[in-house]
Amino acid sequence: MWDRGIEGLRDVRMFGGEDVRMTDLNQALIRLHGAVAEFVAAAVVAAPRWTVPRAPGKWSPSQVVEHVARIMEESANVASGDPSKFPTVSRLLRPVARVIFFRRILRRNSFLKLKTAGPFDPATGSPTPGQGRVRVEQALARFNKACRGREAGGKEVPSTIFGDVSVADFARFQELHVRHHLAQLGESA
């Protein structure tokens, strides 16, 4: 039996009269959806300065939104097992990257200040906050679907940077990334 709970994000299966929930993933996706809702609301507030960088050498709100959309689209590719634009780290170094970056970010509950890779450094973004919202929401829908498919298959996410990670942790990492950039949108308002 499927129960459509909070925004259709809670799957409930009956097994021997007992609910078996994908609670970790569901909770991570609920938090991610909440972060994206806050993010697109902040993008609307930043509309008067949409294409103006918040400081020299920094991104405009339009570029921040484009960056988040690109990361989420490529993360959906990773979760689906499709090729992505993320760099490929040597298999020997992935456990190190997982501990130094991935696990540390999850443990701190906040993203680290890092330089982005070329494919995720947008020269421009959507012309309007409304178009930016559509881009991010479409990327979120793809990511949500990819994570649910990966979890249903009982597989971990095969990250080319961190190695295999749980689907719930991958979704939580994405939430922390969105929240990191939410703060940047707030600085632009």
N, C-alpha and C. Protein backbone atom coordinates (compact mmCIF):
# COMPACT_ATOMS: atom_id res chain seq x y z
N MET A 1 0.85 -1.17 0.00
CA MET A 1 0.00 0.00 0.00
C MET A 1 0.90 1.24 0.00
N TRP A 2 0.53 2.22 -0.78
CA TRP A 2 1.27 3.47 -0.84
C TRP A 2 0.43 4.57 -0.22
N ASP A 3 1.02 5.30 0.69
CA ASP A 3 0.34 6.40 1.37
C ASP A 3 1.00 7.69 0.93
N ARG A 4 0.23 8.58 0.36
CA ARG A 4 0.76 9.87 -0.07
C ARG A 4 0.67 10.83 1.09
N GLY A 5 1.78 10.98 1.78
CA GLY A 5 1.85 11.86 2.95
C GLY A 5 2.32 13.23 2.56
N ILE A 6 3.25 13.77 3.30
CA ILE A 6 3.74 15.12 3.10
C ILE A 6 4.23 15.27 1.67
N GLU A 7 3.49 16.04 0.89
CA GLU A 7 3.80 16.32 -0.50
C GLU A 7 4.12 15.05 -1.29
N GLY A 8 3.47 13.95 -0.97
CA GLY A 8 3.69 12.71 -1.70
C GLY A 8 5.05 12.09 -1.48
N LEU A 9 5.70 12.44 -0.39
CA LEU A 9 7.07 11.98 -0.17
C LEU A 9 7.20 10.81 0.78
N ARG A 10 6.10 10.31 1.33
CA ARG A 10 6.21 9.23 2.30
C ARG A 10 5.63 7.94 1.71
N ASP A 11 6.47 6.96 1.52
CA ASP A 11 6.03 5.66 1.05
C ASP A 11 5.84 4.76 2.25
N VAL A 12 4.69 4.12 2.33
CA VAL A 12 4.44 3.19 3.43
C VAL A 12 4.08 1.85 2.81
N ARG A 13 4.80 0.83 3.20
CA ARG A 13 4.50 -0.52 2.73
C ARG A 13 4.03 -1.33 3.93
N MET A 14 2.98 -2.09 3.74
CA MET A 14 2.49 -2.95 4.81
C MET A 14 3.20 -4.29 4.70
N PHE A 15 3.80 -4.72 5.77
CA PHE A 15 4.50 -5.99 5.81
C PHE A 15 4.13 -6.68 7.11
N GLY A 16 3.32 -7.71 7.02
CA GLY A 16 2.90 -8.43 8.21
C GLY A 16 2.17 -7.52 9.19
N GLY A 17 1.38 -6.56 8.70
CA GLY A 17 0.63 -5.66 9.56
C GLY A 17 1.47 -4.53 10.13
N GLU A 18 2.74 -4.45 9.73
CA GLU A 18 3.64 -3.44 10.27
C GLU A 18 4.12 -2.51 9.15
N ASP A 19 4.20 -1.21 9.41
CA ASP A 19 4.69 -0.26 8.41
C ASP A 19 6.20 -0.39 8.29
N VAL A 20 6.68 -0.49 7.06
CA VAL A 20 8.10 -0.47 6.80
C VAL A 20 8.35 0.77 5.96
N ARG A 21 9.06 1.75 6.51
CA ARG A 21 9.26 3.04 5.83
C ARG A 21 10.71 3.23 5.41
N MET A 22 10.87 3.93 4.30
CA MET A 22 12.19 4.37 3.89
C MET A 22 12.44 5.70 4.58
N THR A 23 12.42 5.69 5.90
CA THR A 23 12.42 6.94 6.66
C THR A 23 13.64 7.80 6.44
N ASP A 24 14.83 7.21 6.39
CA ASP A 24 16.03 8.03 6.21
C ASP A 24 15.97 8.81 4.90
N LEU A 25 15.66 8.11 3.82
CA LEU A 25 15.58 8.78 2.52
C LEU A 25 14.42 9.77 2.50
N ASN A 26 13.27 9.35 3.00
CA ASN A 26 12.12 10.26 3.01
C ASN A 26 12.42 11.54 3.77
N GLN A 27 13.01 11.40 4.93
CA GLN A 27 13.34 12.58 5.73
C GLN A 27 14.35 13.47 5.00
N ALA A 28 15.34 12.86 4.39
CA ALA A 28 16.34 13.64 3.65
C ALA A 28 15.69 14.38 2.48
N LEU A 29 14.79 13.71 1.77
CA LEU A 29 14.14 14.35 0.63
C LEU A 29 13.15 15.44 1.09
N ILE A 30 12.49 15.22 2.19
CA ILE A 30 11.59 16.25 2.72
C ILE A 30 12.40 17.50 3.08
N ARG A 31 13.54 17.29 3.73
CA ARG A 31 14.40 18.43 4.08
C ARG A 31 14.95 19.12 2.83
N LEU A 32 15.30 18.32 1.82
CA LEU A 32 15.79 18.90 0.57
C LEU A 32 14.70 19.72 -0.11
N HIS A 33 13.49 19.19 -0.16
CA HIS A 33 12.38 19.96 -0.75
C HIS A 33 12.15 21.26 0.02
N GLY A 34 12.27 21.22 1.33
CA GLY A 34 12.12 22.42 2.14
C GLY A 34 13.22 23.43 1.85
N ALA A 35 14.45 22.95 1.71
CA ALA A 35 15.57 23.83 1.40
C ALA A 35 15.38 24.48 0.04
N VAL A 36 14.91 23.71 -0.93
CA VAL A 36 14.68 24.25 -2.28
C VAL A 36 13.56 25.29 -2.24
N ALA A 37 12.51 25.03 -1.48
CA ALA A 37 11.42 26.01 -1.35
C ALA A 37 11.95 27.33 -0.79
N GLU A 38 12.78 27.25 0.25
CA GLU A 38 13.39 28.46 0.82
C GLU A 38 14.31 29.12 -0.19
N PHE A 39 15.04 28.31 -0.94
CA PHE A 39 15.99 28.81 -1.92
C PHE A 39 15.28 29.60 -3.03
N VAL A 40 14.21 29.03 -3.58
CA VAL A 40 13.51 29.74 -4.66
C VAL A 40 12.79 30.98 -4.13
N ALA A 41 12.33 30.94 -2.88
CA ALA A 41 11.73 32.14 -2.28
C ALA A 41 12.79 33.24 -2.13
N ALA A 42 13.99 32.87 -1.73
CA ALA A 42 15.08 33.85 -1.60
C ALA A 42 15.47 34.39 -2.97
N ALA A 43 15.37 33.56 -4.01
CA ALA A 43 15.68 34.02 -5.37
C ALA A 43 14.70 35.11 -5.80
N VAL A 44 13.44 34.96 -5.44
CA VAL A 44 12.44 35.98 -5.77
C VAL A 44 12.77 37.29 -5.06
N VAL A 45 13.15 37.21 -3.80
CA VAL A 45 13.52 38.41 -3.03
C VAL A 45 14.75 39.08 -3.65
N ALA A 46 15.64 38.30 -4.23
CA ALA A 46 16.86 38.83 -4.84
C ALA A 46 16.62 39.38 -6.25
N ALA A 47 15.38 39.37 -6.73
CA ALA A 47 15.06 39.80 -8.10
C ALA A 47 15.60 41.17 -8.48
N PRO A 48 15.55 42.17 -7.59
CA PRO A 48 16.07 43.49 -7.99
C PRO A 48 17.55 43.48 -8.36
N ARG A 49 18.29 42.50 -7.84
CA ARG A 49 19.73 42.40 -8.14
C ARG A 49 20.04 41.08 -8.85
N TRP A 50 19.10 40.55 -9.60
CA TRP A 50 19.17 39.23 -10.19
C TRP A 50 20.45 38.96 -10.96
N THR A 51 20.93 39.91 -11.74
CA THR A 51 22.12 39.67 -12.57
C THR A 51 23.34 40.44 -12.07
N VAL A 52 23.25 40.99 -10.86
CA VAL A 52 24.35 41.77 -10.30
C VAL A 52 25.08 40.94 -9.24
N PRO A 53 26.38 40.69 -9.45
CA PRO A 53 27.14 39.94 -8.42
C PRO A 53 27.10 40.67 -7.07
N ARG A 54 27.05 39.90 -5.98
CA ARG A 54 26.95 40.51 -4.65
C ARG A 54 28.24 41.21 -4.24
N ALA A 55 29.35 40.87 -4.89
CA ALA A 55 30.64 41.52 -4.65
C ALA A 55 31.53 41.21 -5.85
N PRO A 56 32.61 41.96 -6.04
CA PRO A 56 33.53 41.64 -7.14
C PRO A 56 34.04 40.20 -7.04
N GLY A 57 34.00 39.50 -8.15
CA GLY A 57 34.46 38.11 -8.18
C GLY A 57 33.47 37.10 -7.65
N LYS A 58 32.29 37.55 -7.23
CA LYS A 58 31.26 36.65 -6.70
C LYS A 58 30.16 36.48 -7.75
N TRP A 59 29.30 35.48 -7.55
CA TRP A 59 28.20 35.23 -8.47
C TRP A 59 27.02 36.15 -8.21
N SER A 60 26.25 36.38 -9.26
CA SER A 60 24.96 37.05 -9.13
C SER A 60 23.94 36.02 -8.64
N PRO A 61 22.77 36.47 -8.15
CA PRO A 61 21.74 35.49 -7.77
C PRO A 61 21.39 34.55 -8.93
N SER A 62 21.36 35.06 -10.15
CA SER A 62 21.07 34.23 -11.32
C SER A 62 22.09 33.11 -11.46
N GLN A 63 23.36 33.43 -11.28
CA GLN A 63 24.42 32.42 -11.39
C GLN A 63 24.36 31.41 -10.24
N VAL A 64 24.02 31.88 -9.05
CA VAL A 64 23.90 30.96 -7.89
C VAL A 64 22.81 29.93 -8.18
N VAL A 65 21.67 30.42 -8.69
CA VAL A 65 20.55 29.51 -9.00
C VAL A 65 20.95 28.53 -10.10
N GLU A 66 21.64 29.01 -11.11
CA GLU A 66 22.09 28.13 -12.19
C GLU A 66 23.06 27.07 -11.67
N HIS A 67 23.97 27.47 -10.81
CA HIS A 67 24.92 26.52 -10.21
C HIS A 67 24.19 25.42 -9.45
N VAL A 68 23.23 25.79 -8.62
CA VAL A 68 22.47 24.81 -7.84
C VAL A 68 21.71 23.86 -8.78
N ALA A 69 21.11 24.41 -9.83
CA ALA A 69 20.38 23.57 -10.79
C ALA A 69 21.32 22.58 -11.47
N ARG A 70 22.48 23.05 -11.90
CA ARG A 70 23.45 22.16 -12.57
C ARG A 70 23.92 21.04 -11.64
N ILE A 71 24.25 21.40 -10.40
CA ILE A 71 24.72 20.38 -9.45
C ILE A 71 23.63 19.34 -9.22
N MET A 72 22.38 19.81 -9.07
CA MET A 72 21.29 18.87 -8.80
C MET A 72 21.02 17.99 -10.02
N GLU A 73 21.10 18.55 -11.22
CA GLU A 73 20.91 17.75 -12.44
C GLU A 73 21.99 16.67 -12.55
N GLU A 74 23.23 17.06 -12.32
CA GLU A 74 24.31 16.08 -12.43
C GLU A 74 24.26 15.07 -11.28
N SER A 75 23.80 15.49 -10.11
CA SER A 75 23.62 14.55 -9.00
C SER A 75 22.52 13.55 -9.33
N ALA A 76 21.49 13.99 -10.04
CA ALA A 76 20.44 13.06 -10.50
C ALA A 76 21.05 12.04 -11.46
N ASN A 77 21.95 12.49 -12.33
CA ASN A 77 22.63 11.55 -13.23
C ASN A 77 23.42 10.52 -12.44
N VAL A 78 24.14 10.98 -11.41
CA VAL A 78 24.93 10.07 -10.58
C VAL A 78 24.01 9.05 -9.91
N ALA A 79 22.92 9.53 -9.31
CA ALA A 79 22.00 8.62 -8.61
C ALA A 79 21.35 7.64 -9.58
N SER A 80 21.16 8.05 -10.83
CA SER A 80 20.57 7.16 -11.84
C SER A 80 21.58 6.19 -12.43
N GLY A 81 22.87 6.43 -12.14
CA GLY A 81 23.91 5.59 -12.73
C GLY A 81 24.30 6.04 -14.11
N ASP A 82 23.90 7.27 -14.50
CA ASP A 82 24.23 7.82 -15.81
C ASP A 82 25.53 8.62 -15.71
N PRO A 83 26.19 8.86 -16.85
CA PRO A 83 27.40 9.69 -16.83
C PRO A 83 27.09 11.10 -16.33
N SER A 84 28.05 11.70 -15.63
CA SER A 84 27.85 13.06 -15.13
C SER A 84 29.10 13.89 -15.42
N LYS A 85 28.98 15.17 -15.15
CA LYS A 85 30.10 16.10 -15.36
C LYS A 85 30.97 16.26 -14.12
N PHE A 86 30.66 15.50 -13.07
CA PHE A 86 31.52 15.54 -11.88
C PHE A 86 32.87 14.92 -12.22
N PRO A 87 33.93 15.44 -11.61
CA PRO A 87 35.24 14.84 -11.86
C PRO A 87 35.29 13.41 -11.32
N THR A 88 36.17 12.62 -11.87
CA THR A 88 36.37 11.26 -11.41
C THR A 88 37.66 11.20 -10.61
N VAL A 89 37.51 10.85 -9.34
CA VAL A 89 38.65 10.71 -8.44
C VAL A 89 39.09 9.25 -8.48
N SER A 90 40.38 9.02 -8.38
CA SER A 90 40.92 7.67 -8.35
C SER A 90 40.18 6.83 -7.30
N ARG A 91 39.91 5.59 -7.62
CA ARG A 91 39.22 4.69 -6.68
C ARG A 91 39.96 4.58 -5.35
N LEU A 92 41.27 4.69 -5.39
CA LEU A 92 42.06 4.62 -4.16
C LEU A 92 41.85 5.84 -3.26
N LEU A 93 41.54 6.99 -3.88
CA LEU A 93 41.38 8.22 -3.10
C LEU A 93 39.93 8.50 -2.68
N ARG A 94 38.98 7.77 -3.25
CA ARG A 94 37.57 8.02 -2.92
C ARG A 94 37.26 7.84 -1.43
N PRO A 95 37.78 6.81 -0.76
CA PRO A 95 37.51 6.71 0.68
C PRO A 95 38.06 7.91 1.46
N VAL A 96 39.19 8.43 1.02
CA VAL A 96 39.78 9.60 1.67
C VAL A 96 38.86 10.81 1.45
N ALA A 97 38.42 11.02 0.21
CA ALA A 97 37.51 12.13 -0.10
C ALA A 97 36.19 11.97 0.66
N ARG A 98 35.75 10.73 0.81
CA ARG A 98 34.50 10.49 1.54
C ARG A 98 34.63 10.93 2.99
N VAL A 99 35.76 10.63 3.62
CA VAL A 99 35.96 11.00 5.03
C VAL A 99 36.24 12.50 5.16
N ILE A 100 37.15 13.02 4.35
CA ILE A 100 37.57 14.43 4.50
C ILE A 100 36.48 15.41 4.09
N PHE A 101 35.71 15.10 3.07
CA PHE A 101 34.71 16.05 2.59
C PHE A 101 33.28 15.60 2.89
N PHE A 102 32.89 14.47 2.33
CA PHE A 102 31.49 14.04 2.42
C PHE A 102 31.03 13.85 3.86
N ARG A 103 31.71 12.98 4.59
CA ARG A 103 31.31 12.70 5.99
C ARG A 103 31.46 13.93 6.88
N ARG A 104 32.49 14.71 6.62
CA ARG A 104 32.70 15.93 7.42
C ARG A 104 31.56 16.92 7.22
N ILE A 105 31.12 17.09 5.99
CA ILE A 105 30.00 18.00 5.71
C ILE A 105 28.74 17.49 6.40
N LEU A 106 28.48 16.20 6.31
CA LEU A 106 27.29 15.64 6.96
C LEU A 106 27.38 15.77 8.48
N ARG A 107 28.55 15.53 9.04
CA ARG A 107 28.74 15.61 10.49
C ARG A 107 28.58 17.06 10.99
N ARG A 108 29.15 18.01 10.25
CA ARG A 108 29.06 19.44 10.62
C ARG A 108 27.66 20.00 10.36
N ASN A 109 26.93 19.33 9.50
CA ASN A 109 25.60 19.80 9.09
C ASN A 109 25.69 21.14 8.36
N SER A 110 26.82 21.36 7.71
CA SER A 110 26.98 22.55 6.87
C SER A 110 28.07 22.28 5.84
N PHE A 111 27.93 22.97 4.73
CA PHE A 111 28.84 22.78 3.62
C PHE A 111 30.15 23.50 3.87
N LEU A 112 31.21 23.01 3.27
CA LEU A 112 32.52 23.66 3.35
C LEU A 112 32.64 24.68 2.22
N LYS A 113 33.50 25.66 2.41
CA LYS A 113 33.80 26.60 1.34
C LYS A 113 34.77 25.91 0.40
N LEU A 114 34.32 25.64 -0.81
CA LEU A 114 35.14 24.95 -1.80
C LEU A 114 35.04 25.68 -3.14
N LYS A 115 36.03 25.49 -3.98
CA LYS A 115 35.97 26.00 -5.34
C LYS A 115 35.17 25.00 -6.17
N THR A 116 34.36 25.52 -7.08
CA THR A 116 33.56 24.64 -7.92
C THR A 116 34.33 24.25 -9.18
N ALA A 117 33.99 23.10 -9.72
CA ALA A 117 34.59 22.62 -10.96
C ALA A 117 34.01 23.40 -12.15
N GLY A 118 34.75 23.49 -13.22
CA GLY A 118 34.38 24.25 -14.41
C GLY A 118 32.95 24.09 -14.91
N PRO A 119 32.46 22.86 -15.08
CA PRO A 119 31.10 22.70 -15.60
C PRO A 119 30.01 23.27 -14.68
N PHE A 120 30.37 23.56 -13.44
CA PHE A 120 29.38 24.05 -12.47
C PHE A 120 29.58 25.53 -12.13
N ASP A 121 30.46 26.19 -12.88
CA ASP A 121 30.76 27.61 -12.69
C ASP A 121 30.09 28.39 -13.83
N PRO A 122 28.83 28.78 -13.65
CA PRO A 122 28.09 29.40 -14.75
C PRO A 122 28.50 30.84 -15.04
N ALA A 123 28.66 31.16 -16.32
CA ALA A 123 28.94 32.54 -16.71
C ALA A 123 27.68 33.38 -16.57
N THR A 124 26.54 32.75 -16.81
CA THR A 124 25.24 33.41 -16.68
C THR A 124 24.25 32.40 -16.12
N GLY A 125 23.03 32.87 -15.89
CA GLY A 125 21.97 31.99 -15.42
C GLY A 125 20.67 32.33 -16.12
N SER A 126 19.58 31.90 -15.56
CA SER A 126 18.26 32.18 -16.11
C SER A 126 18.01 33.68 -16.13
N PRO A 127 17.30 34.17 -17.15
CA PRO A 127 17.06 35.61 -17.25
C PRO A 127 16.16 36.18 -16.15
N THR A 128 15.31 35.34 -15.56
CA THR A 128 14.39 35.82 -14.51
C THR A 128 14.37 34.84 -13.34
N PRO A 129 13.99 35.32 -12.16
CA PRO A 129 13.84 34.40 -11.03
C PRO A 129 12.82 33.30 -11.29
N GLY A 130 11.76 33.61 -12.01
CA GLY A 130 10.75 32.60 -12.33
C GLY A 130 11.33 31.47 -13.17
N GLN A 131 12.14 31.81 -14.15
CA GLN A 131 12.78 30.78 -14.97
C GLN A 131 13.82 30.00 -14.17
N GLY A 132 14.49 30.69 -13.27
CA GLY A 132 15.44 30.01 -12.38
C GLY A 132 14.73 29.02 -11.48
N ARG A 133 13.56 29.42 -10.95
CA ARG A 133 12.76 28.54 -10.09
C ARG A 133 12.38 27.28 -10.85
N VAL A 134 11.92 27.45 -12.08
CA VAL A 134 11.52 26.29 -12.90
C VAL A 134 12.71 25.35 -13.09
N ARG A 135 13.88 25.92 -13.39
CA ARG A 135 15.08 25.09 -13.58
C ARG A 135 15.43 24.27 -12.35
N VAL A 136 15.41 24.94 -11.19
CA VAL A 136 15.77 24.24 -9.94
C VAL A 136 14.70 23.20 -9.61
N GLU A 137 13.43 23.53 -9.77
CA GLU A 137 12.37 22.57 -9.43
C GLU A 137 12.38 21.37 -10.37
N GLN A 138 12.70 21.57 -11.64
CA GLN A 138 12.82 20.43 -12.56
C GLN A 138 14.01 19.55 -12.18
N ALA A 139 15.11 20.17 -11.80
CA ALA A 139 16.28 19.41 -11.37
C ALA A 139 15.97 18.63 -10.10
N LEU A 140 15.24 19.26 -9.18
CA LEU A 140 14.84 18.59 -7.94
C LEU A 140 13.95 17.39 -8.23
N ALA A 141 13.02 17.53 -9.14
CA ALA A 141 12.12 16.42 -9.49
C ALA A 141 12.93 15.24 -10.06
N ARG A 142 13.91 15.54 -10.92
CA ARG A 142 14.77 14.48 -11.47
C ARG A 142 15.59 13.82 -10.37
N PHE A 143 16.13 14.63 -9.47
CA PHE A 143 16.93 14.11 -8.37
C PHE A 143 16.10 13.22 -7.46
N ASN A 144 14.90 13.68 -7.13
CA ASN A 144 13.98 12.93 -6.28
C ASN A 144 13.67 11.56 -6.91
N LYS A 145 13.34 11.57 -8.19
CA LYS A 145 13.01 10.34 -8.90
C LYS A 145 14.22 9.39 -8.95
N ALA A 146 15.39 9.95 -9.22
CA ALA A 146 16.60 9.12 -9.30
C ALA A 146 16.93 8.49 -7.95
N CYS A 147 16.79 9.26 -6.89
CA CYS A 147 17.08 8.72 -5.55
C CYS A 147 16.08 7.64 -5.17
N ARG A 148 14.82 7.85 -5.47
CA ARG A 148 13.81 6.83 -5.15
C ARG A 148 14.05 5.55 -5.95
N GLY A 149 14.45 5.71 -7.20
CA GLY A 149 14.76 4.54 -8.03
C GLY A 149 15.97 3.78 -7.50
N ARG A 150 16.98 4.52 -7.10
CA ARG A 150 18.20 3.91 -6.56
C ARG A 150 17.88 3.16 -5.27
N GLU A 151 17.10 3.80 -4.39
CA GLU A 151 16.73 3.18 -3.10
C GLU A 151 15.86 1.94 -3.33
N ALA A 152 14.93 2.02 -4.27
CA ALA A 152 14.05 0.88 -4.55
C ALA A 152 14.85 -0.31 -5.06
N GLY A 153 15.95 -0.02 -5.76
CA GLY A 153 16.82 -1.10 -6.25
C GLY A 153 17.77 -1.62 -5.18
N GLY A 154 17.72 -1.00 -4.00
CA GLY A 154 18.57 -1.46 -2.90
C GLY A 154 20.05 -1.18 -3.10
N LYS A 155 20.35 -0.17 -3.89
CA LYS A 155 21.74 0.13 -4.20
C LYS A 155 22.16 1.46 -3.61
N GLU A 156 23.46 1.60 -3.34
CA GLU A 156 24.02 2.87 -2.92
C GLU A 156 24.30 3.73 -4.15
N VAL A 157 24.57 5.00 -3.94
CA VAL A 157 24.89 5.92 -5.03
C VAL A 157 26.38 5.78 -5.35
N PRO A 158 26.72 5.51 -6.63
CA PRO A 158 28.11 5.32 -7.02
C PRO A 158 28.80 6.64 -7.39
N SER A 159 29.19 7.42 -6.40
CA SER A 159 29.81 8.72 -6.65
C SER A 159 31.22 8.54 -7.20
N THR A 160 31.53 9.31 -8.25
CA THR A 160 32.87 9.26 -8.84
C THR A 160 33.87 10.06 -8.01
N ILE A 161 33.38 10.75 -6.98
CA ILE A 161 34.25 11.52 -6.09
C ILE A 161 34.43 10.81 -4.76
N PHE A 162 33.31 10.34 -4.18
CA PHE A 162 33.32 9.80 -2.81
C PHE A 162 33.21 8.28 -2.74
N GLY A 163 32.98 7.61 -3.85
CA GLY A 163 32.72 6.18 -3.82
C GLY A 163 31.26 5.94 -3.49
N ASP A 164 30.91 4.73 -3.11
CA ASP A 164 29.52 4.39 -2.81
C ASP A 164 29.08 5.03 -1.50
N VAL A 165 27.94 5.73 -1.56
CA VAL A 165 27.36 6.37 -0.37
C VAL A 165 25.88 6.03 -0.33
N SER A 166 25.30 6.08 0.86
CA SER A 166 23.87 5.78 0.96
C SER A 166 23.06 6.84 0.23
N VAL A 167 21.91 6.44 -0.26
CA VAL A 167 21.03 7.37 -0.99
C VAL A 167 20.59 8.49 -0.06
N ALA A 168 20.24 8.16 1.17
CA ALA A 168 19.80 9.18 2.13
C ALA A 168 20.91 10.18 2.41
N ASP A 169 22.15 9.71 2.57
CA ASP A 169 23.26 10.63 2.80
C ASP A 169 23.52 11.50 1.57
N PHE A 170 23.36 10.94 0.39
CA PHE A 170 23.55 11.70 -0.85
C PHE A 170 22.50 12.82 -0.94
N ALA A 171 21.26 12.51 -0.58
CA ALA A 171 20.19 13.52 -0.59
C ALA A 171 20.46 14.58 0.49
N ARG A 172 20.93 14.16 1.63
CA ARG A 172 21.24 15.11 2.71
C ARG A 172 22.39 16.04 2.31
N PHE A 173 23.39 15.49 1.63
CA PHE A 173 24.51 16.28 1.11
C PHE A 173 23.98 17.36 0.16
N GLN A 174 23.03 16.96 -0.69
CA GLN A 174 22.43 17.91 -1.63
C GLN A 174 21.69 19.02 -0.88
N GLU A 175 20.96 18.65 0.16
CA GLU A 175 20.26 19.65 0.98
C GLU A 175 21.24 20.66 1.56
N LEU A 176 22.35 20.19 2.09
CA LEU A 176 23.34 21.08 2.69
C LEU A 176 23.97 21.99 1.64
N HIS A 177 24.12 21.48 0.43
CA HIS A 177 24.63 22.30 -0.66
C HIS A 177 23.64 23.42 -0.99
N VAL A 178 22.37 23.10 -1.08
CA VAL A 178 21.35 24.12 -1.36
C VAL A 178 21.34 25.17 -0.24
N ARG A 179 21.38 24.73 1.00
CA ARG A 179 21.36 25.67 2.13
C ARG A 179 22.60 26.57 2.14
N HIS A 180 23.74 26.04 1.74
CA HIS A 180 24.96 26.82 1.62
C HIS A 180 24.72 28.00 0.66
N HIS A 181 24.11 27.71 -0.47
CA HIS A 181 23.88 28.75 -1.47
C HIS A 181 22.67 29.61 -1.12
N LEU A 182 21.77 29.11 -0.31
CA LEU A 182 20.66 29.92 0.20
C LEU A 182 21.21 31.12 0.95
N ALA A 183 22.23 30.91 1.73
CA ALA A 183 22.86 32.00 2.48
C ALA A 183 23.43 33.04 1.52
N GLN A 184 23.97 32.60 0.38
CA GLN A 184 24.50 33.55 -0.60
C GLN A 184 23.39 34.38 -1.22
N LEU A 185 22.24 33.78 -1.47
CA LEU A 185 21.11 34.55 -2.01
C LEU A 185 20.65 35.60 -1.01
N GLY A 186 20.67 35.23 0.26
CA GLY A 186 20.28 36.18 1.31
C GLY A 186 21.21 37.38 1.35
N GLU A 187 22.50 37.16 1.05
CA GLU A 187 23.47 38.25 1.02
C GLU A 187 23.23 39.20 -0.15
N SER A 188 22.54 38.67 -1.20
CA SER A 188 22.29 39.47 -2.40
C SER A 188 21.08 40.36 -2.26
N ALA A 189 20.21 40.04 -1.31
CA ALA A 189 18.94 40.78 -1.19
C ALA A 189 19.13 42.17 -0.63
